[in-house]
Protein backbone atom coordinates (compact mmCIF):
# COMPACT_ATOMS: atom_id res chain seq x y z
CA MET A 1 -4.71 -21.49 6.59
CA PRO A 2 -2.46 -19.45 8.92
CA LYS A 3 -3.61 -16.33 10.69
CA ILE A 4 -2.75 -12.97 9.10
CA LYS A 5 -0.28 -10.94 11.14
CA THR A 6 -1.04 -7.32 11.95
CA ASN A 7 1.34 -4.86 10.32
CA SER A 8 3.33 -3.52 13.28
CA GLY A 9 3.84 -0.10 11.70
CA SER A 10 0.15 0.45 11.12
CA LYS A 11 -0.94 -0.67 14.58
CA LYS A 12 1.12 2.24 15.95
CA ARG A 13 -0.43 4.75 13.53
CA PHE A 14 -4.14 3.93 13.51
CA THR A 15 -6.74 3.62 16.28
CA LEU A 16 -10.35 2.52 16.19
CA THR A 17 -13.22 4.71 17.33
CA GLY A 18 -16.18 3.39 19.24
CA THR A 19 -18.29 3.21 16.10
CA GLY A 20 -15.65 1.23 14.19
CA LYS A 21 -14.15 4.05 12.14
CA ILE A 22 -10.37 4.36 11.87
CA LYS A 23 -8.59 7.45 13.22
CA ARG A 24 -5.27 8.72 11.88
CA LYS A 25 -2.86 11.55 12.57
CA HIS A 26 -1.86 14.27 10.13
CA ALA A 27 1.57 14.26 8.51
CA PHE A 28 3.98 17.25 8.38
CA HIS A 29 3.70 18.08 12.09
CA SER A 30 6.95 16.62 13.39
CA HIS A 31 9.76 18.93 12.25
CA ILE A 32 10.53 22.08 10.21
CA LEU A 33 7.74 23.87 12.05
CA THR A 34 9.32 27.33 11.91
CA LYS A 35 8.17 28.04 8.35
CA LYS A 36 4.64 26.79 8.91
CA THR A 37 1.94 29.20 10.06
CA LYS A 38 0.18 28.90 13.42
CA LYS A 39 -3.05 28.04 11.64
CA GLN A 40 -1.38 25.27 9.64
CA LYS A 41 0.21 23.73 12.76
CA ARG A 42 -3.04 24.02 14.72
CA ASN A 43 -5.01 22.23 12.00
CA LEU A 44 -2.38 19.49 11.72
CA CYS A 45 -2.54 18.60 15.41
CA HIS A 46 -6.16 17.35 15.28
CA ALA A 47 -6.88 13.73 14.48
CA ALA A 48 -8.72 12.82 11.29
CA LEU A 49 -10.57 9.81 9.97
CA VAL A 50 -9.16 7.55 7.28
CA ASP A 51 -10.79 8.30 3.94
CA ILE A 52 -13.39 5.81 2.72
CA THR A 53 -11.22 4.95 -0.30
CA ASN A 54 -8.40 3.73 1.98
CA VAL A 55 -10.43 2.01 4.70
CA SER A 56 -10.20 -1.45 3.12
CA GLN A 57 -6.41 -1.16 2.72
CA VAL A 58 -5.94 -0.09 6.34
CA LYS A 59 -8.24 -2.84 7.61
CA GLU A 60 -6.15 -5.38 5.73
CA LEU A 61 -2.98 -4.03 7.37
CA LEU A 62 -4.66 -4.23 10.79
CA ALA A 63 -5.82 -7.82 10.06
CA MET A 64 -9.46 -6.84 10.46
CA LYS A 65 -10.51 -8.22 7.10
C-alpha cells in the first residue's frame, strides 16, 4: 500500500496547534477591503480553528489519518 501524499494546497493553509487542533485563516480579507468596515476587517485578521465537522476532511488532506 503506497503512502498518501499531503495535499499541497492544504499544507499551505492549515497549521497545527500544540494540542493537535487545526488552525485556519478567515476568507474575504485579501482584496476589496474598501467597502468592508473596520470591525469586519479586524475580526477577519484573527486565526480560527477548523470546525469539528470538517476536522476529519482536513486531516485526510494533510495525510494525518
